[in-house]
Amino acid sequence: MDTLRHVLASLVADGLLVGMNDGPYALADQTRSVEATGAEWEILAVLSADEALSVRDVAKATGKTLTALRPVLRELVERGLVVATAPPTSRRRKYLLAGM
């Protein structure tokens, strides 16, 4: 199962699949291209439009540090790919996948 998750995460990082948490996964819409780095795709893959996640939740799901995630999440929010649920200084700030 870990091998499959690794393969799926790689496909998401390459922009070929779009997935949320542990699924479902779908082919990425090739007509709507989103420029994103591998780290950005990893974050987008764990976020959902329905269930907000804290930066700690995202860190746990991706294996990345809080320090590494914060600037990437900030950039994704600025680009409109991710929606923040509270101001940047709030301890209750969580993140949702924006309607793409």
PDB file of N, CA and C in Angstrom:
ATOM      1  N   MET A   1       0.820  -1.189   0.000  1.00  0.00           N
ATOM      2  CA  MET A   1       0.000   0.000   0.000  1.00  0.00           C
ATOM      3  C   MET A   1       0.866   1.257   0.000  1.00  0.00           C
ATOM      4  N   ASP A   2       1.993   1.237   0.726  1.00  0.00           N
ATOM      5  CA  ASP A   2       2.877   2.396   0.748  1.00  0.00           C
ATOM      6  C   ASP A   2       3.460   2.670  -0.629  1.00  0.00           C
ATOM      7  N   THR A   3       3.755   1.615  -1.386  1.00  0.00           N
ATOM      8  CA  THR A   3       4.280   1.786  -2.737  1.00  0.00           C
ATOM      9  C   THR A   3       3.246   2.479  -3.613  1.00  0.00           C
ATOM     10  N   LEU A   4       2.011   2.068  -3.510  1.00  0.00           N
ATOM     11  CA  LEU A   4       0.938   2.673  -4.290  1.00  0.00           C
ATOM     12  C   LEU A   4       0.767   4.142  -3.917  1.00  0.00           C
ATOM     13  N   ARG A   5       0.801   4.448  -2.639  1.00  0.00           N
ATOM     14  CA  ARG A   5       0.689   5.847  -2.207  1.00  0.00           C
ATOM     15  C   ARG A   5       1.842   6.681  -2.748  1.00  0.00           C
ATOM     16  N   HIS A   6       3.030   6.106  -2.761  1.00  0.00           N
ATOM     17  CA  HIS A   6       4.193   6.818  -3.296  1.00  0.00           C
ATOM     18  C   HIS A   6       4.009   7.100  -4.785  1.00  0.00           C
ATOM     19  N   VAL A   7       3.539   6.111  -5.528  1.00  0.00           N
ATOM     20  CA  VAL A   7       3.309   6.285  -6.969  1.00  0.00           C
ATOM     21  C   VAL A   7       2.239   7.348  -7.200  1.00  0.00           C
ATOM     22  N   LEU A   8       1.143   7.279  -6.454  1.00  0.00           N
ATOM     23  CA  LEU A   8       0.081   8.274  -6.601  1.00  0.00           C
ATOM     24  C   LEU A   8       0.586   9.674  -6.253  1.00  0.00           C
ATOM     25  N   ALA A   9       1.364   9.793  -5.188  1.00  0.00           N
ATOM     26  CA  ALA A   9       1.919  11.096  -4.805  1.00  0.00           C
ATOM     27  C   ALA A   9       2.833  11.636  -5.893  1.00  0.00           C
ATOM     28  N   SER A  10       3.599  10.763  -6.537  1.00  0.00           N
ATOM     29  CA  SER A  10       4.476  11.186  -7.631  1.00  0.00           C
ATOM     30  C   SER A  10       3.661  11.686  -8.819  1.00  0.00           C
ATOM     31  N   LEU A  11       2.584  10.982  -9.137  1.00  0.00           N
ATOM     32  CA  LEU A  11       1.723  11.410 -10.244  1.00  0.00           C
ATOM     33  C   LEU A  11       1.044  12.740  -9.937  1.00  0.00           C
ATOM     34  N   VAL A  12       0.671  12.938  -8.682  1.00  0.00           N
ATOM     35  CA  VAL A  12       0.097  14.218  -8.273  1.00  0.00           C
ATOM     36  C   VAL A  12       1.159  15.308  -8.366  1.00  0.00           C
ATOM     37  N   ALA A  13       2.369  15.024  -7.885  1.00  0.00           N
ATOM     38  CA  ALA A  13       3.462  16.000  -7.926  1.00  0.00           C
ATOM     39  C   ALA A  13       3.808  16.382  -9.361  1.00  0.00           C
ATOM     40  N   ASP A  14       3.657  15.440 -10.287  1.00  0.00           N
ATOM     41  CA  ASP A  14       3.937  15.712 -11.700  1.00  0.00           C
ATOM     42  C   ASP A  14       2.774  16.400 -12.402  1.00  0.00           C
ATOM     43  N   GLY A  15       1.659  16.570 -11.697  1.00  0.00           N
ATOM     44  CA  GLY A  15       0.517  17.255 -12.272  1.00  0.00           C
ATOM     45  C   GLY A  15      -0.361  16.386 -13.153  1.00  0.00           C
ATOM     46  N   LEU A  16      -0.163  15.081 -13.108  1.00  0.00           N
ATOM     47  CA  LEU A  16      -0.956  14.182 -13.945  1.00  0.00           C
ATOM     48  C   LEU A  16      -2.248  13.741 -13.273  1.00  0.00           C
ATOM     49  N   LEU A  17      -2.238  13.710 -11.944  1.00  0.00           N
ATOM     50  CA  LEU A  17      -3.424  13.343 -11.174  1.00  0.00           C
ATOM     51  C   LEU A  17      -3.760  14.463 -10.208  1.00  0.00           C
ATOM     52  N   VAL A  18      -5.015  14.536  -9.863  1.00  0.00           N
ATOM     53  CA  VAL A  18      -5.465  15.417  -8.796  1.00  0.00           C
ATOM     54  C   VAL A  18      -6.098  14.507  -7.763  1.00  0.00           C
ATOM     55  N   GLY A  19      -5.657  14.641  -6.518  1.00  0.00           N
ATOM     56  CA  GLY A  19      -6.184  13.780  -5.472  1.00  0.00           C
ATOM     57  C   GLY A  19      -6.374  14.542  -4.196  1.00  0.00           C
ATOM     58  N   MET A  20      -7.244  14.018  -3.353  1.00  0.00           N
ATOM     59  CA  MET A  20      -7.514  14.645  -2.072  1.00  0.00           C
ATOM     60  C   MET A  20      -7.381  13.608  -0.982  1.00  0.00           C
ATOM     61  N   ASN A  21      -6.502  13.891  -0.036  1.00  0.00           N
ATOM     62  CA  ASN A  21      -6.256  12.996   1.091  1.00  0.00           C
ATOM     63  C   ASN A  21      -5.905  11.604   0.575  1.00  0.00           C
ATOM     64  N   ASP A  22      -6.652  10.581   0.948  1.00  0.00           N
ATOM     65  CA  ASP A  22      -6.382   9.224   0.474  1.00  0.00           C
ATOM     66  C   ASP A  22      -7.243   8.872  -0.729  1.00  0.00           C
ATOM     67  N   GLY A  23      -7.731   9.850  -1.442  1.00  0.00           N
ATOM     68  CA  GLY A  23      -8.525   9.610  -2.633  1.00  0.00           C
ATOM     69  C   GLY A  23      -9.841  10.327  -2.502  1.00  0.00           C
ATOM     70  N   PRO A  24     -10.618  10.323  -3.490  1.00  0.00           N
ATOM     71  CA  PRO A  24     -10.357   9.693  -4.778  1.00  0.00           C
ATOM     72  C   PRO A  24      -9.377  10.511  -5.604  1.00  0.00           C
ATOM     73  N   TYR A  25      -8.778   9.872  -6.566  1.00  0.00           N
ATOM     74  CA  TYR A  25      -7.874  10.532  -7.492  1.00  0.00           C
ATOM     75  C   TYR A  25      -8.547  10.615  -8.854  1.00  0.00           C
ATOM     76  N   ALA A  26      -8.216  11.644  -9.595  1.00  0.00           N
ATOM     77  CA  ALA A  26      -8.753  11.808 -10.943  1.00  0.00           C
ATOM     78  C   ALA A  26      -7.651  12.356 -11.828  1.00  0.00           C
ATOM     79  N   LEU A  27      -7.777  12.113 -13.113  1.00  0.00           N
ATOM     80  CA  LEU A  27      -6.820  12.683 -14.047  1.00  0.00           C
ATOM     81  C   LEU A  27      -6.906  14.197 -13.982  1.00  0.00           C
ATOM     82  N   ALA A  28      -5.757  14.837 -14.034  1.00  0.00           N
ATOM     83  CA  ALA A  28      -5.723  16.295 -14.017  1.00  0.00           C
ATOM     84  C   ALA A  28      -6.352  16.816 -15.298  1.00  0.00           C
ATOM     85  N   ASP A  29      -7.046  17.916 -15.185  1.00  0.00           N
ATOM     86  CA  ASP A  29      -7.654  18.541 -16.352  1.00  0.00           C
ATOM     87  C   ASP A  29      -6.546  19.174 -17.181  1.00  0.00           C
ATOM     88  N   GLN A  30      -6.236  18.562 -18.288  1.00  0.00           N
ATOM     89  CA  GLN A  30      -5.138  19.043 -19.123  1.00  0.00           C
ATOM     90  C   GLN A  30      -5.488  20.345 -19.841  1.00  0.00           C
ATOM     91  N   THR A  31      -6.780  20.693 -19.906  1.00  0.00           N
ATOM     92  CA  THR A  31      -7.166  21.934 -20.563  1.00  0.00           C
ATOM     93  C   THR A  31      -6.982  23.131 -19.640  1.00  0.00           C
ATOM     94  N   ARG A  32      -6.942  22.894 -18.355  1.00  0.00           N
ATOM     95  CA  ARG A  32      -6.726  23.968 -17.386  1.00  0.00           C
ATOM     96  C   ARG A  32      -5.415  23.700 -16.676  1.00  0.00           C
ATOM     97  N   SER A  33      -4.386  24.263 -17.202  1.00  0.00           N
ATOM     98  CA  SER A  33      -3.051  24.014 -16.680  1.00  0.00           C
ATOM     99  C   SER A  33      -2.773  24.899 -15.466  1.00  0.00           C
ATOM    100  N   VAL A  34      -2.315  24.286 -14.415  1.00  0.00           N
ATOM    101  CA  VAL A  34      -1.913  25.013 -13.217  1.00  0.00           C
ATOM    102  C   VAL A  34      -0.415  24.811 -13.062  1.00  0.00           C
ATOM    103  N   GLU A  35       0.309  25.890 -13.095  1.00  0.00           N
ATOM    104  CA  GLU A  35       1.751  25.822 -12.880  1.00  0.00           C
ATOM    105  C   GLU A  35       1.997  25.675 -11.386  1.00  0.00           C
ATOM    106  N   ALA A  36       2.687  24.614 -11.005  1.00  0.00           N
ATOM    107  CA  ALA A  36       2.973  24.393  -9.591  1.00  0.00           C
ATOM    108  C   ALA A  36       4.236  23.555  -9.452  1.00  0.00           C
ATOM    109  N   THR A  37       4.939  23.780  -8.375  1.00  0.00           N
ATOM    110  CA  THR A  37       6.133  22.989  -8.079  1.00  0.00           C
ATOM    111  C   THR A  37       5.707  21.649  -7.491  1.00  0.00           C
ATOM    112  N   GLY A  38       6.649  20.752  -7.345  1.00  0.00           N
ATOM    113  CA  GLY A  38       6.360  19.460  -6.731  1.00  0.00           C
ATOM    114  C   GLY A  38       5.809  19.610  -5.321  1.00  0.00           C
ATOM    115  N   ALA A  39       6.396  20.522  -4.542  1.00  0.00           N
ATOM    116  CA  ALA A  39       5.927  20.750  -3.168  1.00  0.00           C
ATOM    117  C   ALA A  39       4.505  21.300  -3.174  1.00  0.00           C
ATOM    118  N   GLU A  40       4.214  22.195  -4.120  1.00  0.00           N
ATOM    119  CA  GLU A  40       2.864  22.753  -4.200  1.00  0.00           C
ATOM    120  C   GLU A  40       1.844  21.672  -4.557  1.00  0.00           C
ATOM    121  N   TRP A  41       2.201  20.791  -5.494  1.00  0.00           N
ATOM    122  CA  TRP A  41       1.293  19.702  -5.866  1.00  0.00           C
ATOM    123  C   TRP A  41       1.062  18.760  -4.691  1.00  0.00           C
ATOM    124  N   GLU A  42       2.104  18.502  -3.913  1.00  0.00           N
ATOM    125  CA  GLU A  42       1.937  17.636  -2.734  1.00  0.00           C
ATOM    126  C   GLU A  42       0.920  18.231  -1.763  1.00  0.00           C
ATOM    127  N   ILE A  43       1.003  19.532  -1.561  1.00  0.00           N
ATOM    128  CA  ILE A  43       0.071  20.212  -0.659  1.00  0.00           C
ATOM    129  C   ILE A  43      -1.332  20.197  -1.250  1.00  0.00           C
ATOM    130  N   LEU A  44      -1.450  20.525  -2.524  1.00  0.00           N
ATOM    131  CA  LEU A  44      -2.759  20.523  -3.178  1.00  0.00           C
ATOM    132  C   LEU A  44      -3.406  19.145  -3.118  1.00  0.00           C
ATOM    133  N   ALA A  45      -2.579  18.104  -3.177  1.00  0.00           N
ATOM    134  CA  ALA A  45      -3.099  16.734  -3.166  1.00  0.00           C
ATOM    135  C   ALA A  45      -3.718  16.349  -1.826  1.00  0.00           C
ATOM    136  N   VAL A  46      -3.255  16.944  -0.736  1.00  0.00           N
ATOM    137  CA  VAL A  46      -3.800  16.568   0.576  1.00  0.00           C
ATOM    138  C   VAL A  46      -4.946  17.472   1.018  1.00  0.00           C
ATOM    139  N   LEU A  47      -5.105  18.616   0.351  1.00  0.00           N
ATOM    140  CA  LEU A  47      -6.180  19.524   0.726  1.00  0.00           C
ATOM    141  C   LEU A  47      -7.494  19.115   0.075  1.00  0.00           C
ATOM    142  N   SER A  48      -8.574  19.524   0.706  1.00  0.00           N
ATOM    143  CA  SER A  48      -9.922  19.231   0.233  1.00  0.00           C
ATOM    144  C   SER A  48     -10.720  20.527   0.207  1.00  0.00           C
ATOM    145  N   ALA A  49     -11.717  20.587  -0.644  1.00  0.00           N
ATOM    146  CA  ALA A  49     -12.604  21.747  -0.673  1.00  0.00           C
ATOM    147  C   ALA A  49     -13.633  21.682   0.450  1.00  0.00           C
ATOM    148  N   ASP A  50     -13.751  20.520   1.085  1.00  0.00           N
ATOM    149  CA  ASP A  50     -14.779  20.310   2.106  1.00  0.00           C
ATOM    150  C   ASP A  50     -14.273  20.317   3.544  1.00  0.00           C
ATOM    151  N   GLU A  51     -13.060  19.828   3.758  1.00  0.00           N
ATOM    152  CA  GLU A  51     -12.526  19.689   5.118  1.00  0.00           C
ATOM    153  C   GLU A  51     -11.246  20.512   5.263  1.00  0.00           C
ATOM    154  N   ALA A  52     -11.321  21.572   6.059  1.00  0.00           N
ATOM    155  CA  ALA A  52     -10.165  22.446   6.258  1.00  0.00           C
ATOM    156  C   ALA A  52      -9.099  21.743   7.092  1.00  0.00           C
ATOM    157  N   LEU A  53      -7.841  21.951   6.716  1.00  0.00           N
ATOM    158  CA  LEU A  53      -6.713  21.367   7.445  1.00  0.00           C
ATOM    159  C   LEU A  53      -5.818  22.472   7.981  1.00  0.00           C
ATOM    160  N   SER A  54      -5.290  22.264   9.173  1.00  0.00           N
ATOM    161  CA  SER A  54      -4.312  23.190   9.739  1.00  0.00           C
ATOM    162  C   SER A  54      -2.957  22.923   9.093  1.00  0.00           C
ATOM    163  N   VAL A  55      -2.027  23.832   9.302  1.00  0.00           N
ATOM    164  CA  VAL A  55      -0.684  23.633   8.764  1.00  0.00           C
ATOM    165  C   VAL A  55      -0.057  22.376   9.370  1.00  0.00           C
ATOM    166  N   ARG A  56      -0.387  22.086  10.624  1.00  0.00           N
ATOM    167  CA  ARG A  56       0.117  20.856  11.257  1.00  0.00           C
ATOM    168  C   ARG A  56      -0.466  19.609  10.595  1.00  0.00           C
ATOM    169  N   ASP A  57      -1.747  19.663  10.232  1.00  0.00           N
ATOM    170  CA  ASP A  57      -2.366  18.541   9.519  1.00  0.00           C
ATOM    171  C   ASP A  57      -1.681  18.317   8.170  1.00  0.00           C
ATOM    172  N   VAL A  58      -1.402  19.410   7.471  1.00  0.00           N
ATOM    173  CA  VAL A  58      -0.733  19.317   6.167  1.00  0.00           C
ATOM    174  C   VAL A  58       0.677  18.764   6.348  1.00  0.00           C
ATOM    175  N   ALA A  59       1.366  19.205   7.404  1.00  0.00           N
ATOM    176  CA  ALA A  59       2.716  18.705   7.683  1.00  0.00           C
ATOM    177  C   ALA A  59       2.694  17.200   7.930  1.00  0.00           C
ATOM    178  N   LYS A  60       1.736  16.755   8.704  1.00  0.00           N
ATOM    179  CA  LYS A  60       1.627  15.325   9.005  1.00  0.00           C
ATOM    180  C   LYS A  60       1.343  14.524   7.737  1.00  0.00           C
ATOM    181  N   ALA A  61       0.470  15.045   6.880  1.00  0.00           N
ATOM    182  CA  ALA A  61       0.085  14.332   5.660  1.00  0.00           C
ATOM    183  C   ALA A  61       1.193  14.308   4.613  1.00  0.00           C
ATOM    184  N   THR A  62       2.020  15.353   4.573  1.00  0.00           N
ATOM    185  CA  THR A  62       3.061  15.445   3.542  1.00  0.00           C
ATOM    186  C   THR A  62       4.447  15.056   4.035  1.00  0.00           C
ATOM    187  N   GLY A  63       4.638  15.046   5.354  1.00  0.00           N
ATOM    188  CA  GLY A  63       5.963  14.763   5.890  1.00  0.00           C
ATOM    189  C   GLY A  63       6.899  15.958   5.834  1.00  0.00           C
ATOM    190  N   LYS A  64       6.363  17.131   5.539  1.00  0.00           N
ATOM    191  CA  LYS A  64       7.173  18.353   5.459  1.00  0.00           C
ATOM    192  C   LYS A  64       7.107  19.108   6.790  1.00  0.00           C
ATOM    193  N   THR A  65       8.098  19.946   7.027  1.00  0.00           N
ATOM    194  CA  THR A  65       8.135  20.728   8.261  1.00  0.00           C
ATOM    195  C   THR A  65       7.211  21.940   8.154  1.00  0.00           C
ATOM    196  N   LEU A  66       6.818  22.471   9.306  1.00  0.00           N
ATOM    197  CA  LEU A  66       5.997  23.679   9.331  1.00  0.00           C
ATOM    198  C   LEU A  66       6.721  24.831   8.654  1.00  0.00           C
ATOM    199  N   THR A  67       8.018  24.926   8.896  1.00  0.00           N
ATOM    200  CA  THR A  67       8.828  25.992   8.310  1.00  0.00           C
ATOM    201  C   THR A  67       8.839  25.909   6.790  1.00  0.00           C
ATOM    202  N   ALA A  68       8.873  24.710   6.256  1.00  0.00           N
ATOM    203  CA  ALA A  68       8.868  24.535   4.802  1.00  0.00           C
ATOM    204  C   ALA A  68       7.483  24.801   4.214  1.00  0.00           C
ATOM    205  N   LEU A  69       6.438  24.473   4.954  1.00  0.00           N
ATOM    206  CA  LEU A  69       5.077  24.595   4.434  1.00  0.00           C
ATOM    207  C   LEU A  69       4.542  26.020   4.413  1.00  0.00           C
ATOM    208  N   ARG A  70       4.847  26.797   5.426  1.00  0.00           N
ATOM    209  CA  ARG A  70       4.215  28.115   5.554  1.00  0.00           C
ATOM    210  C   ARG A  70       4.404  29.007   4.322  1.00  0.00           C
ATOM    211  N   PRO A  71       5.615  29.166   3.789  1.00  0.00           N
ATOM    212  CA  PRO A  71       5.738  30.033   2.602  1.00  0.00           C
ATOM    213  C   PRO A  71       5.044  29.454   1.366  1.00  0.00           C
ATOM    214  N   VAL A  72       5.016  28.143   1.250  1.00  0.00           N
ATOM    215  CA  VAL A  72       4.359  27.517   0.098  1.00  0.00           C
ATOM    216  C   VAL A  72       2.850  27.716   0.201  1.00  0.00           C
ATOM    217  N   LEU A  73       2.291  27.515   1.387  1.00  0.00           N
ATOM    218  CA  LEU A  73       0.860  27.752   1.586  1.00  0.00           C
ATOM    219  C   LEU A  73       0.511  29.218   1.334  1.00  0.00           C
ATOM    220  N   ARG A  74       1.359  30.119   1.804  1.00  0.00           N
ATOM    221  CA  ARG A  74       1.129  31.553   1.587  1.00  0.00           C
ATOM    222  C   ARG A  74       1.056  31.854   0.088  1.00  0.00           C
ATOM    223  N   GLU A  75       1.972  31.285  -0.673  1.00  0.00           N
ATOM    224  CA  GLU A  75       2.007  31.482  -2.128  1.00  0.00           C
ATOM    225  C   GLU A  75       0.752  30.897  -2.786  1.00  0.00           C
ATOM    226  N   LEU A  76       0.331  29.718  -2.356  1.00  0.00           N
ATOM    227  CA  LEU A  76      -0.863  29.087  -2.926  1.00  0.00           C
ATOM    228  C   LEU A  76      -2.119  29.912  -2.627  1.00  0.00           C
ATOM    229  N   VAL A  77      -2.172  30.517  -1.442  1.00  0.00           N
ATOM    230  CA  VAL A  77      -3.295  31.394  -1.093  1.00  0.00           C
ATOM    231  C   VAL A  77      -3.268  32.634  -1.983  1.00  0.00           C
ATOM    232  N   GLU A  78      -2.100  33.239  -2.153  1.00  0.00           N
ATOM    233  CA  GLU A  78      -1.974  34.439  -2.984  1.00  0.00           C
ATOM    234  C   GLU A  78      -2.375  34.168  -4.429  1.00  0.00           C
ATOM    235  N   ARG A  79      -2.100  32.972  -4.917  1.00  0.00           N
ATOM    236  CA  ARG A  79      -2.429  32.611  -6.300  1.00  0.00           C
ATOM    237  C   ARG A  79      -3.870  32.136  -6.462  1.00  0.00           C
ATOM    238  N   GLY A  80      -4.605  32.026  -5.348  1.00  0.00           N
ATOM    239  CA  GLY A  80      -6.002  31.644  -5.420  1.00  0.00           C
ATOM    240  C   GLY A  80      -6.258  30.155  -5.558  1.00  0.00           C
ATOM    241  N   LEU A  81      -5.232  29.338  -5.344  1.00  0.00           N
ATOM    242  CA  LEU A  81      -5.397  27.891  -5.437  1.00  0.00           C
ATOM    243  C   LEU A  81      -5.856  27.286  -4.120  1.00  0.00           C
ATOM    244  N   VAL A  82      -5.583  28.003  -3.038  1.00  0.00           N
ATOM    245  CA  VAL A  82      -5.940  27.556  -1.689  1.00  0.00           C
ATOM    246  C   VAL A  82      -6.633  28.721  -0.988  1.00  0.00           C
ATOM    247  N   VAL A  83      -7.613  28.399  -0.158  1.00  0.00           N
ATOM    248  CA  VAL A  83      -8.340  29.406   0.613  1.00  0.00           C
ATOM    249  C   VAL A  83      -7.976  29.239   2.083  1.00  0.00           C
ATOM    250  N   ALA A  84      -7.586  30.346   2.718  1.00  0.00           N
ATOM    251  CA  ALA A  84      -7.298  30.340   4.158  1.00  0.00           C
ATOM    252  C   ALA A  84      -8.578  30.704   4.899  1.00  0.00           C
ATOM    253  N   THR A  85      -8.821  30.045   6.020  1.00  0.00           N
ATOM    254  CA  THR A  85     -10.064  30.256   6.766  1.00  0.00           C
ATOM    255  C   THR A  85      -9.969  31.355   7.815  1.00  0.00           C
ATOM    256  N   ALA A  86      -8.775  31.885   8.038  1.00  0.00           N
ATOM    257  CA  ALA A  86      -8.579  32.921   9.058  1.00  0.00           C
ATOM    258  C   ALA A  86      -7.368  33.767   8.659  1.00  0.00           C
ATOM    259  N   PRO A  87      -7.192  34.930   9.297  1.00  0.00           N
ATOM    260  CA  PRO A  87      -6.033  35.771   8.993  1.00  0.00           C
ATOM    261  C   PRO A  87      -4.713  35.043   9.287  1.00  0.00           C
ATOM    262  N   PRO A  88      -3.622  35.497   8.664  1.00  0.00           N
ATOM    263  CA  PRO A  88      -2.322  34.831   8.842  1.00  0.00           C
ATOM    264  C   PRO A  88      -1.855  34.723  10.286  1.00  0.00           C
ATOM    265  N   THR A  89      -2.256  35.643  11.139  1.00  0.00           N
ATOM    266  CA  THR A  89      -1.787  35.615  12.529  1.00  0.00           C
ATOM    267  C   THR A  89      -2.644  34.739  13.438  1.00  0.00           C
ATOM    268  N   SER A  90      -3.745  34.221  12.927  1.00  0.00           N
ATOM    269  CA  SER A  90      -4.659  33.429  13.748  1.00  0.00           C
ATOM    270  C   SER A  90      -4.134  32.017  13.980  1.00  0.00           C
ATOM    271  N   ARG A  91      -4.266  31.544  15.207  1.00  0.00           N
ATOM    272  CA  ARG A  91      -3.886  30.161  15.528  1.00  0.00           C
ATOM    273  C   ARG A  91      -4.903  29.175  14.965  1.00  0.00           C
ATOM    274  N   ARG A  92      -6.058  29.681  14.605  1.00  0.00           N
ATOM    275  CA  ARG A  92      -7.128  28.818  14.074  1.00  0.00           C
ATOM    276  C   ARG A  92      -7.123  28.757  12.545  1.00  0.00           C
ATOM    277  N   ARG A  93      -6.120  29.307  11.924  1.00  0.00           N
ATOM    278  CA  ARG A  93      -6.049  29.342  10.458  1.00  0.00           C
ATOM    279  C   ARG A  93      -5.963  27.923   9.906  1.00  0.00           C
ATOM    280  N   LYS A  94      -6.831  27.636   8.958  1.00  0.00           N
ATOM    281  CA  LYS A  94      -6.825  26.357   8.263  1.00  0.00           C
ATOM    282  C   LYS A  94      -6.907  26.631   6.771  1.00  0.00           C
ATOM    283  N   TYR A  95      -6.763  25.582   5.993  1.00  0.00           N
ATOM    284  CA  TYR A  95      -6.688  25.736   4.544  1.00  0.00           C
ATOM    285  C   TYR A  95      -7.639  24.787   3.834  1.00  0.00           C
ATOM    286  N   LEU A  96      -8.246  25.299   2.770  1.00  0.00           N
ATOM    287  CA  LEU A  96      -9.141  24.530   1.916  1.00  0.00           C
ATOM    288  C   LEU A  96      -8.658  24.633   0.476  1.00  0.00           C
ATOM    289  N   LEU A  97      -8.927  23.619  -0.292  1.00  0.00           N
ATOM    290  CA  LEU A  97      -8.648  23.661  -1.718  1.00  0.00           C
ATOM    291  C   LEU A  97      -9.670  24.585  -2.360  1.00  0.00           C
ATOM    292  N   ALA A  98      -9.189  25.559  -3.130  1.00  0.00           N
ATOM    293  CA  ALA A  98     -10.100  26.489  -3.801  1.00  0.00           C
ATOM    294  C   ALA A  98     -10.829  25.764  -4.924  1.00  0.00           C
ATOM    295  N   GLY A  99     -12.013  26.228  -5.244  1.00  0.00           N
ATOM    296  CA  GLY A  99     -12.750  25.648  -6.371  1.00  0.00           C
ATOM    297  C   GLY A  99     -11.976  25.874  -7.649  1.00  0.00           C
ATOM    298  N   MET A 100     -11.504  24.794  -8.240  1.00  0.00           N
ATOM    299  CA  MET A 100     -10.666  24.914  -9.435  1.00  0.00           C
ATOM    300  C   MET A 100     -11.523  24.641 -10.607  1.00  0.00           C
TER     301      MET A 100
END
